[in-house]
Protein backbone atom coordinates (compact mmCIF):
# COMPACT_ATOMS: atom_id res chain seq x y z
CA MET A 1 -19.38 -21.53 15.64
CA ARG A 2 -20.34 -18.66 17.86
CA ARG A 3 -23.34 -19.10 20.16
CA ILE A 4 -24.78 -16.18 22.14
CA VAL A 5 -26.97 -16.29 25.23
CA GLY A 6 -28.25 -13.77 27.76
CA LYS A 7 -26.22 -10.54 27.88
CA ALA A 8 -24.23 -11.63 24.87
CA ALA A 9 -27.38 -11.76 22.79
CA ALA A 10 -28.30 -8.26 23.86
CA LEU A 11 -24.83 -7.01 22.97
CA ALA A 12 -25.07 -8.65 19.57
CA THR A 13 -28.41 -6.97 18.93
CA VAL A 14 -26.97 -3.56 19.78
CA LEU A 15 -23.95 -4.12 17.58
CA THR A 16 -26.04 -5.41 14.73
CA THR A 17 -28.40 -2.44 14.80
CA ALA A 18 -25.68 0.17 15.20
CA LEU A 19 -23.37 -1.24 12.59
CA ALA A 20 -26.08 -1.94 10.05
CA THR A 21 -27.32 1.63 10.46
CA HIS A 22 -24.01 3.44 10.24
CA LEU A 23 -21.71 1.26 8.17
CA VAL A 24 -21.75 0.82 4.43
CA VAL A 25 -19.38 -1.19 2.30
CA PRO A 26 -16.31 1.07 1.95
CA PRO A 27 -14.41 1.72 -1.24
CA SER A 28 -11.45 -0.57 -1.85
CA ALA A 29 -8.36 0.29 0.14
CA SER A 30 -5.43 2.32 -1.09
CA ALA A 31 -3.57 3.46 2.02
CA ALA A 32 -5.04 0.78 4.24
CA ALA A 33 -7.30 1.95 7.03
CA GLN A 34 -7.01 0.29 10.42
CA LEU A 35 -10.27 -1.62 10.92
CA VAL A 36 -9.75 -2.45 14.59
CA GLY A 37 -10.40 0.26 17.14
CA ASN A 38 -7.94 0.40 20.04
CA GLY A 39 -5.80 -2.58 19.13
CA THR A 40 -2.97 -1.36 21.37
CA PHE A 41 -4.92 -1.07 24.65
CA ALA A 42 -2.86 1.87 25.85
CA THR A 43 -5.39 3.02 28.46
CA SER A 44 -8.50 0.87 28.12
CA THR A 45 -10.03 -2.14 26.38
CA ALA A 46 -12.98 -0.34 24.77
CA PRO A 47 -14.61 -1.21 22.38
CA TRP A 48 -13.74 -4.83 23.17
CA ALA A 49 -16.52 -6.60 25.08
CA ALA A 50 -16.39 -9.76 27.23
CA ILE A 51 -18.92 -12.41 26.25
CA GLY A 52 -19.88 -15.54 28.20
CA GLN A 53 -17.46 -16.77 30.84
CA SER A 54 -14.78 -14.16 30.31
CA ALA A 55 -13.66 -10.95 31.99
CA VAL A 56 -11.56 -8.31 30.29
CA THR A 57 -9.27 -5.63 31.77
CA ALA A 58 -6.46 -3.36 30.58
CA GLU A 59 -3.09 -4.43 31.98
CA SER A 60 0.19 -2.67 31.21
CA GLY A 61 -0.84 -1.71 27.71
CA ARG A 62 -2.35 -5.09 26.87
CA MET A 63 -5.80 -6.61 26.99
CA ARG A 64 -6.05 -9.26 29.70
CA VAL A 65 -8.83 -11.82 29.33
CA ASP A 66 -9.62 -14.13 32.24
CA VAL A 67 -11.64 -17.24 31.48
CA LYS A 68 -13.82 -17.43 34.60
CA SER A 69 -14.83 -21.09 34.53
CA VAL A 70 -14.25 -24.28 32.61
CA VAL A 71 -16.47 -24.27 29.52
CA ALA A 72 -16.87 -26.76 26.72
CA ASN A 73 -16.94 -24.62 23.59
CA PRO A 74 -14.57 -21.93 22.29
CA TRP A 75 -17.39 -19.37 22.00
CA ASP A 76 -18.49 -19.88 25.62
CA ALA A 77 -15.67 -17.54 26.75
CA MET A 78 -14.70 -14.84 24.29
CA VAL A 79 -14.07 -11.19 23.55
CA ALA A 80 -15.32 -9.29 20.51
CA ALA A 81 -15.03 -5.86 18.94
CA PRO A 82 -16.82 -4.37 15.93
CA THR A 83 -14.75 -3.40 12.91
CA THR A 84 -14.62 0.30 12.18
CA ALA A 85 -15.91 -0.27 8.64
CA ALA A 86 -17.83 -2.97 6.87
CA LEU A 87 -15.99 -5.68 4.96
CA ASN A 88 -15.65 -5.70 1.19
CA PRO A 89 -16.88 -9.09 -0.08
CA GLY A 90 -14.24 -10.77 -2.20
CA LYS A 91 -11.40 -8.55 -0.96
CA SER A 92 -8.30 -9.74 0.89
CA TYR A 93 -7.54 -8.85 4.51
CA THR A 94 -4.92 -9.59 7.15
CA LEU A 95 -5.68 -10.02 10.84
CA SER A 96 -2.58 -9.71 13.04
CA PHE A 97 -2.11 -9.78 16.81
CA ASP A 98 0.26 -10.66 19.65
CA ALA A 99 -0.99 -13.21 22.17
CA SER A 100 0.17 -15.32 25.10
CA SER A 101 -1.60 -17.55 27.62
CA SER A 102 -0.94 -18.77 31.14
CA VAL A 103 -1.93 -22.24 29.88
CA ALA A 104 -0.94 -23.60 26.48
CA PHE A 105 -4.04 -24.35 24.43
CA LYS A 106 -5.61 -23.90 21.03
CA ALA A 107 -7.82 -20.81 20.81
CA ARG A 108 -9.91 -19.64 17.90
CA THR A 109 -10.10 -16.25 16.22
CA THR A 110 -12.78 -15.14 13.79
CA VAL A 111 -13.75 -12.23 11.62
CA GLN A 112 -17.46 -12.65 11.18
CA TYR A 113 -20.59 -10.81 10.18
CA VAL A 114 -22.50 -9.55 13.20
CA ALA A 115 -25.92 -10.33 11.76
CA THR A 116 -25.16 -14.04 11.33
CA PRO A 117 -21.99 -14.71 13.37
CA GLY A 118 -22.34 -18.43 13.84
CA SER A 119 -22.87 -19.26 10.20
CA ASN A 120 -21.10 -16.50 8.27
CA GLN A 121 -17.44 -16.22 9.16
CA SER A 122 -14.92 -14.88 6.67
CA LEU A 123 -12.13 -16.09 8.96
CA ALA A 124 -12.21 -18.90 11.52
CA ALA A 125 -8.69 -19.95 12.47
CA ASP A 126 -7.27 -21.96 15.34
CA VAL A 127 -4.12 -20.55 16.93
CA GLN A 128 -1.85 -22.39 19.35
CA LEU A 129 -1.19 -20.13 22.32
CA THR A 130 1.78 -20.57 24.68
CA SER A 131 3.23 -18.72 27.64
CA ALA A 132 5.55 -16.81 25.31
CA SER A 133 4.02 -13.88 23.46
CA LYS A 134 3.95 -14.58 19.74
CA ARG A 135 2.81 -12.69 16.65
CA TYR A 136 0.06 -14.22 14.54
CA SER A 137 -0.67 -12.97 11.03
CA ILE A 138 -3.60 -14.52 9.19
CA PRO A 139 -4.74 -13.58 5.67
CA PHE A 140 -8.29 -14.23 4.53
CA THR A 141 -10.87 -13.21 1.96
CA ALA A 142 -14.16 -11.58 2.96
CA THR A 143 -17.14 -13.67 1.95
CA ALA A 144 -20.39 -12.30 0.59
CA ALA A 145 -23.23 -11.50 2.98
CA ALA A 146 -26.43 -9.47 3.03
CA GLY A 147 -25.07 -7.37 5.91
CA THR A 148 -21.35 -6.76 5.91
CA ALA A 149 -20.98 -5.15 9.35
CA ALA A 150 -18.38 -7.31 11.04
CA GLU A 151 -16.55 -8.05 14.27
CA VAL A 152 -13.29 -9.60 15.39
CA THR A 153 -13.45 -12.27 18.08
CA PHE A 154 -11.04 -14.24 20.21
CA GLN A 155 -12.73 -17.42 21.44
CA LEU A 156 -10.98 -18.86 24.48
CA GLY A 157 -13.21 -21.61 25.84
CA GLY A 158 -12.76 -25.35 25.52
CA SER A 159 -9.22 -25.50 26.94
CA GLY A 160 -10.20 -27.64 29.92
CA GLY A 161 -9.03 -24.91 32.27
CA THR A 162 -9.30 -21.23 33.11
CA PRO A 163 -6.42 -19.57 31.28
CA VAL A 164 -5.42 -15.93 31.46
CA VAL A 165 -4.80 -14.70 27.91
CA ARG A 166 -3.15 -11.42 26.94
CA PHE A 167 -3.46 -9.63 23.59
CA ASP A 168 -1.71 -6.65 22.04
CA ASN A 169 -1.20 -4.90 18.70
CA VAL A 170 -4.39 -6.20 17.13
CA SER A 171 -4.64 -5.08 13.50
CA LEU A 172 -7.08 -5.70 10.67
CA MET A 173 -6.35 -4.14 7.28
CA GLU A 174 -7.52 -4.70 3.74
CA THR A 175 -4.89 -5.49 1.14
CA GLN A 176 -4.51 -2.68 -1.37
CA THR A 177 -6.56 -3.31 -4.49
CA THR A 178 -3.74 -2.09 -6.73
CA ARG A 179 -0.04 -2.64 -6.20
CA PRO A 180 1.62 0.42 -4.62
CA THR A 181 4.01 2.23 -6.91
CA ALA A 182 5.89 4.18 -4.24
CA LEU A 183 8.57 2.35 -2.26
CA TYR A 184 8.49 2.24 1.53
CA VAL A 185 10.92 4.37 3.54
CA SER A 186 11.25 2.86 7.00
CA SER A 187 11.93 4.96 10.06
CA GLN A 188 13.40 1.81 11.62
CA SER A 189 16.22 1.20 9.13
CA ASN A 190 19.71 1.14 10.63
CA PRO A 191 20.68 4.55 9.20
CA ALA A 192 17.34 6.10 10.18
CA LYS A 193 17.68 4.92 13.77
CA TRP A 194 21.28 6.19 13.92
CA VAL A 195 20.24 9.59 12.60
CA ALA A 196 17.40 9.83 15.13
CA ALA A 197 19.84 9.10 17.95
CA HIS A 198 22.43 11.67 16.79
CA GLN A 199 20.35 14.71 15.89
CA GLY A 200 22.24 17.96 15.54
CA THR A 201 25.50 16.49 14.28
CA SER A 202 26.81 17.15 10.79
CA GLU A 203 27.04 13.41 10.14
CA ALA A 204 23.39 12.92 11.06
CA GLN A 205 22.37 15.70 8.69
CA ALA A 206 24.37 14.20 5.83
CA ILE A 207 23.27 10.61 6.44
CA GLY A 208 19.67 11.71 6.90
CA ALA A 209 19.64 13.65 3.65
CA ASN A 210 21.51 11.11 1.53
CA ILE A 211 20.70 7.65 2.92
CA ALA A 212 18.10 7.46 5.68
CA ASN A 213 15.41 9.19 3.62
CA LYS A 214 15.68 6.61 0.84
CA PRO A 215 13.69 3.37 0.41
CA ILE A 216 16.10 0.64 1.55
CA PHE A 217 15.50 -3.08 1.93
CA GLU A 218 15.01 -4.62 5.33
CA TRP A 219 16.98 -7.85 5.87
CA PHE A 220 15.37 -10.77 7.71
CA GLY A 221 17.16 -13.75 9.21
CA GLY A 222 17.52 -15.79 12.36
CA TRP A 223 18.43 -12.73 14.43
CA PHE A 224 14.68 -12.10 14.70
CA GLY A 225 13.36 -14.45 17.35
CA ASP A 226 9.78 -14.03 16.13
CA ILE A 227 9.97 -13.77 12.34
CA THR A 228 6.21 -13.34 12.04
CA LEU A 229 6.36 -10.32 14.33
CA ALA A 230 9.27 -8.79 12.42
CA VAL A 231 7.83 -9.30 8.94
CA ASP A 232 4.24 -8.48 9.82
CA THR A 233 5.23 -5.27 11.60
CA TYR A 234 7.34 -4.09 8.67
CA VAL A 235 4.86 -5.05 5.94
CA GLY A 236 1.92 -3.65 7.91
CA ALA A 237 3.68 -0.30 8.40
CA ALA A 238 4.27 -0.06 4.65
CA GLN A 239 0.70 -1.06 3.88
CA ALA A 240 -0.67 1.62 6.19
CA GLN A 241 1.15 4.21 4.05
CA ASP A 242 0.22 2.59 0.71
CA ARG A 243 3.90 1.93 0.11
CA LEU A 244 5.64 -1.15 -1.25
CA PRO A 245 7.69 -3.02 1.38
CA MET A 246 11.03 -4.51 0.32
CA LEU A 247 12.41 -7.54 2.14
CA VAL A 248 15.54 -9.70 1.92
CA ALA A 249 15.16 -13.32 3.00
CA TYR A 250 18.62 -14.24 4.30
CA ASN A 251 18.62 -17.39 6.41
CA ILE A 252 19.63 -20.33 4.22
CA PRO A 253 21.87 -22.92 5.93
CA ASN A 254 25.60 -22.39 5.31
CA ARG A 255 24.92 -18.75 4.50
CA ASP A 256 27.85 -16.77 3.06
CA ALA A 257 29.76 -20.02 2.55
CA CYS A 258 32.46 -18.38 0.41
CA ALA A 259 33.36 -15.40 2.61
CA GLY A 260 32.11 -16.34 6.06
CA HIS A 261 31.64 -12.88 7.57
CA SER A 262 27.82 -13.24 7.42
CA GLY A 263 27.80 -16.94 8.22
CA GLY A 264 24.95 -18.71 9.93
CA GLY A 265 21.44 -19.40 8.77
CA ALA A 266 18.91 -22.07 9.61
CA GLY A 267 20.34 -25.31 10.96
CA ASP A 268 19.18 -27.62 8.20
CA ALA A 269 16.75 -27.98 5.30
CA THR A 270 13.78 -28.66 7.58
CA GLY A 271 14.57 -25.67 9.73
CA TYR A 272 14.89 -23.49 6.65
CA HIS A 273 11.62 -24.74 5.20
CA ASN A 274 9.86 -23.89 8.45
CA TRP A 275 11.50 -20.46 8.60
CA ILE A 276 10.75 -19.46 5.00
CA THR A 277 7.19 -20.71 5.43
CA GLU A 278 6.67 -18.49 8.46
CA PHE A 279 8.35 -15.60 6.61
CA ALA A 280 6.04 -16.03 3.60
CA ARG A 281 2.89 -16.44 5.68
CA ALA A 282 3.70 -13.24 7.53
CA ILE A 283 3.61 -11.40 4.19
CA GLY A 284 0.43 -13.27 3.31
CA ASN A 285 -1.71 -11.78 0.58
CA ARG A 286 -0.13 -8.33 0.86
CA HIS A 287 1.99 -6.70 -1.82
CA ALA A 288 5.77 -6.84 -1.35
CA VAL A 289 9.15 -7.24 -3.03
CA VAL A 290 11.41 -10.06 -1.85
CA VAL A 291 15.05 -10.62 -2.77
CA LEU A 292 15.64 -14.28 -2.02
CA GLU A 293 18.92 -15.31 -0.41
CA PRO A 294 21.71 -13.07 -1.74
CA ASP A 295 24.70 -15.08 -3.01
CA ALA A 296 23.07 -18.46 -2.27
CA VAL A 297 22.97 -19.67 -5.88
CA ALA A 298 26.36 -18.24 -6.81
CA ALA A 299 27.99 -19.52 -3.61
CA ALA A 300 26.51 -23.03 -3.79
CA GLY A 301 29.85 -24.42 -4.94
CA CYS A 302 31.51 -23.15 -1.77
CA VAL A 303 29.39 -25.38 0.48
CA ALA A 304 31.42 -28.31 -0.86
CA ASN A 305 34.36 -26.86 1.05
CA ILE A 306 32.57 -27.62 4.31
CA GLY A 307 31.44 -31.08 3.25
CA LYS A 308 27.98 -30.10 2.00
CA ASN A 309 26.31 -30.89 -1.31
CA PRO A 310 25.63 -27.91 -3.60
CA GLU A 311 22.62 -29.76 -4.99
CA ASP A 312 21.03 -29.57 -1.53
CA GLN A 313 21.42 -25.79 -1.68
CA TYR A 314 19.56 -25.67 -4.99
CA ARG A 315 16.81 -27.91 -3.60
CA MET A 316 16.32 -25.67 -0.57
CA LEU A 317 16.02 -22.63 -2.83
CA LEU A 318 13.57 -24.44 -5.09
CA ASP A 319 11.44 -25.24 -2.05
CA ALA A 320 11.64 -21.60 -0.89
CA THR A 321 10.37 -20.33 -4.25
CA GLU A 322 7.46 -22.77 -4.10
CA VAL A 323 6.60 -21.71 -0.55
CA LEU A 324 6.68 -18.01 -1.43
CA ARG A 325 4.56 -18.52 -4.52
CA ALA A 326 1.93 -20.37 -2.49
CA GLN A 327 1.96 -18.40 0.76
CA ALA A 328 2.79 -14.86 -0.48
CA PRO A 329 1.10 -14.73 -3.89
CA ASN A 330 1.30 -10.93 -4.23
CA ALA A 331 5.02 -10.75 -3.46
CA TRP A 332 7.35 -10.16 -6.40
CA VAL A 333 10.22 -12.52 -5.66
CA TYR A 334 13.66 -12.08 -7.23
CA LEU A 335 16.02 -15.03 -6.80
CA ASP A 336 19.52 -13.68 -6.35
CA ALA A 337 21.95 -14.38 -9.20
CA GLY A 338 25.19 -12.99 -7.77
CA ASN A 339 27.05 -10.39 -9.80
CA ALA A 340 28.50 -9.85 -13.24
CA THR A 341 32.04 -10.94 -12.38
CA TRP A 342 31.36 -14.04 -10.28
CA ILE A 343 29.79 -16.86 -12.32
CA LYS A 344 29.57 -16.94 -16.11
CA ALA A 345 26.04 -16.38 -17.38
CA ALA A 346 26.09 -19.73 -19.17
CA ASP A 347 26.80 -21.47 -15.85
CA MET A 348 24.54 -19.32 -13.70
CA ALA A 349 21.42 -19.89 -15.83
CA PRO A 350 21.06 -23.67 -15.20
CA SER A 351 21.74 -23.13 -11.49
CA LEU A 352 18.91 -20.60 -11.35
CA VAL A 353 16.62 -23.06 -13.12
CA LYS A 354 17.42 -25.78 -10.57
CA SER A 355 16.83 -23.25 -7.80
CA GLY A 356 13.28 -22.41 -8.88
CA ILE A 357 13.62 -19.25 -10.97
CA ALA A 358 10.49 -20.37 -12.84
CA ASN A 359 8.46 -19.81 -9.65
CA THR A 360 9.62 -16.22 -9.26
CA ARG A 361 9.23 -12.92 -11.02
CA GLY A 362 12.92 -12.86 -11.85
CA PHE A 363 16.42 -12.42 -10.47
CA SER A 364 18.44 -9.82 -8.57
CA LEU A 365 22.01 -8.77 -9.35
CA ASN A 366 24.88 -6.91 -7.69
CA VAL A 367 23.51 -7.21 -4.16
CA SER A 368 26.07 -5.66 -1.79
CA ASN A 369 28.49 -5.22 -4.69
CA TYR A 370 30.00 -2.33 -6.62
CA ILE A 371 29.81 -3.27 -10.30
CA THR A 372 28.47 -0.52 -12.53
CA THR A 373 24.88 -0.60 -13.65
CA ALA A 374 25.96 -0.73 -17.30
CA ASP A 375 28.12 -3.83 -16.78
CA THR A 376 25.38 -5.45 -14.69
CA GLU A 377 22.80 -4.77 -17.39
CA ALA A 378 25.05 -6.49 -19.94
CA TYR A 379 25.30 -9.53 -17.67
CA ALA A 380 21.52 -9.59 -17.17
CA ILE A 381 20.98 -9.61 -20.92
CA ALA A 382 23.42 -12.48 -21.32
CA LEU A 383 21.77 -14.38 -18.47
CA ASN A 384 18.32 -13.94 -19.98
CA GLY A 385 19.70 -15.19 -23.28
CA HIS A 386 20.48 -18.50 -21.59
CA LEU A 387 17.23 -18.60 -19.64
CA SER A 388 15.08 -17.94 -22.69
CA GLY A 389 15.44 -21.51 -23.92
CA THR A 390 14.23 -23.05 -20.64
CA VAL A 391 12.05 -20.94 -18.35
CA GLY A 392 11.99 -17.86 -20.58
CA ALA A 393 13.55 -14.46 -20.07
CA LYS A 394 12.83 -13.03 -16.63
CA MET A 395 12.50 -9.60 -15.09
CA TYR A 396 15.48 -8.47 -13.03
CA VAL A 397 16.53 -5.81 -10.50
CA ILE A 398 19.93 -4.28 -9.75
CA ASP A 399 21.38 -3.16 -6.42
CA THR A 400 22.90 0.29 -6.97
CA SER A 401 23.44 1.15 -3.32
CA ARG A 402 27.25 1.31 -3.58
CA ASN A 403 28.15 1.23 -7.27
CA GLY A 404 28.55 4.95 -7.94
CA ASN A 405 32.32 4.61 -8.47
CA GLY A 406 32.30 1.06 -9.79
CA LEU A 407 34.62 -1.70 -8.63
CA TYR A 408 37.63 -1.19 -6.40
CA THR A 409 40.85 -2.72 -7.64
CA ASP A 410 44.17 -3.30 -5.89
CA PRO A 411 46.78 -6.08 -5.82
CA THR A 412 44.56 -8.30 -3.60
CA PRO A 413 41.31 -8.65 -5.56
CA GLY A 414 40.05 -11.50 -3.39
CA ASP A 415 38.89 -9.13 -0.66
CA ASN A 416 37.94 -6.10 -2.73
CA TRP A 417 34.26 -6.71 -2.01
CA CYS A 418 34.63 -6.00 1.72
CA ASN A 419 34.18 -2.32 2.70
CA PRO A 420 36.60 -1.10 0.02
CA PRO A 421 37.70 2.55 0.08
CA GLY A 422 36.66 5.16 -2.45
CA ARG A 423 33.24 3.70 -3.24
CA LYS A 424 30.16 5.87 -3.63
CA LEU A 425 26.38 5.74 -3.45
CA GLY A 426 24.82 4.78 -6.76
CA ALA A 427 21.59 5.84 -8.43
CA SER A 428 18.68 6.26 -6.02
CA PRO A 429 16.02 3.52 -5.92
CA ALA A 430 13.55 3.91 -8.79
CA THR A 431 11.47 2.00 -11.29
CA GLN A 432 12.83 1.67 -14.81
CA THR A 433 11.06 1.78 -18.15
CA SER A 434 13.68 -0.41 -19.82
CA GLY A 435 16.38 -2.80 -18.70
CA ALA A 436 16.18 -3.52 -15.00
CA GLU A 437 12.68 -3.39 -13.61
CA TYR A 438 13.99 -1.54 -10.56
CA LEU A 439 17.19 0.02 -9.37
CA PHE A 440 17.17 -0.82 -5.67
CA TRP A 441 19.24 -0.21 -2.58
CA VAL A 442 19.23 -3.79 -1.35
CA LYS A 443 22.38 -3.47 0.72
CA VAL A 444 21.93 -0.89 3.47
CA PRO A 445 24.52 1.84 2.78
CA GLY A 446 26.66 2.14 5.89
CA ASP A 447 26.12 -1.45 7.04
CA SER A 448 29.47 -3.23 7.25
CA ASP A 449 30.45 -6.24 5.14
CA GLY A 450 32.58 -7.45 8.05
CA PRO A 451 35.73 -6.52 10.00
CA CYS A 452 37.73 -5.98 6.82
CA GLY A 453 38.59 -3.16 4.44
CA LEU A 454 37.53 0.13 5.99
CA GLY A 455 35.84 -1.87 8.74
CA GLU A 456 39.03 -3.59 9.87
CA ARG A 457 40.34 -0.85 12.12
CA ASP A 458 37.28 -0.80 14.39
CA GLN A 459 36.36 -4.46 13.79
CA ILE A 460 32.92 -3.50 12.47
CA GLN A 461 30.99 -6.74 12.24
CA ALA A 462 28.84 -7.65 9.24
CA GLY A 463 25.44 -5.98 9.31
CA THR A 464 26.48 -3.33 11.83
CA PHE A 465 25.79 0.26 10.79
CA SER A 466 28.80 2.57 10.79
CA PRO A 467 28.53 6.35 10.25
CA MET A 468 32.13 6.26 9.03
CA LEU A 469 31.24 3.79 6.27
CA ALA A 470 28.11 5.77 5.43
CA MET A 471 30.02 9.05 5.13
CA ALA A 472 32.64 7.37 2.94
CA LEU A 473 29.88 6.35 0.52
CA ILE A 474 28.31 9.81 0.57
CA ASN A 475 31.63 11.52 -0.14
CA GLY A 476 33.07 8.87 -2.44
CA THR A 477 36.37 8.98 -0.59
CA PRO A 478 38.25 6.66 1.82
């Protein structure tokens, strides 16, 4: 609990009077307003104030907080800033920030009402700080109070020492009351970043007009060292625009067991549970779409080739669906079901059931593949026919990113999935009134499947963006 003495009490009185006078409970959020002033500390730390045994300065675009003496309680050395608007009782919020400390210890952060800070905290969470900067993303619900003027605090006492703690990118936003209908277009997608770096070229103009300006999924896996930072940054950017973020969770152990070009993933079931938990918590109570582990259900049989048990794969997916349902309750999760030519619907349905389809909104189809939407719809209907007797028919989505010309066929069908020639962009991402709930671009058009097909000549590794591959999809030619 926060305790205030001396100058801190005077500061609290000023904040209470000012905020109670000028702030009223705002309308519910649509495009989420940023409720923390100066969370990036570009030139100063204002309006953040040091309280108790703490000193605050701006340092290289971060807020540096020095704990000046050893104190017993967390609130004896803290920093606080008023929110830019009052809280909405009963509404969901997310507090996010980067933090590191010269000494590892457990700090406390709160979002609390200024009038009664010690006894009326909507959020009071302990966070383990280390010398490495880490992203923290914490969802909470605003409680009721007579006065809803609020403040964010970082309470740094009680460590047994005098740590130096640094903060950056502090954000507080309310979750949208209604689910966004527009899909998020990220300026940080692979094609968007390539276009930005090659302005003025004909390829950049074509890729910008046909691919980079579309809502495309962002893929998340072990290549992000701080998964909370990666997910929170992406979801927060979408939320700020009142857009729906679209994420692929792609980190299951023995990933891409059949083909191998996108191999890797978490080391074991425990590592994957920890990763998917952090992934889900970073989404928190915010709205999102998640495609869960492309190919993992369909490829479970292939893990036997490397001495693994397919049943373990199903169990890990079941656990992932349970984690996402609990930790990201507003995310629409689609468990991937492969494609229409891979596993018969009668065989796929029980595998989906074992993998937790009941915990999700539905299933995804044709991710990174080329099968026509019509053929994929027929497969979805057949699959739902088999699911209806167990978990019930489910919603589904279809990846149309590369299916404009349908499947590629040649005398070696085993590798026709890998950067084949003559493929074309499919229908643009959109909601549907019948059939698939969404047509999505889950695969990033222009990202390689591996050093094969059109990517063989230049050895374009899986996940690497290639303007050559992008232009081939735009033109529908080799």
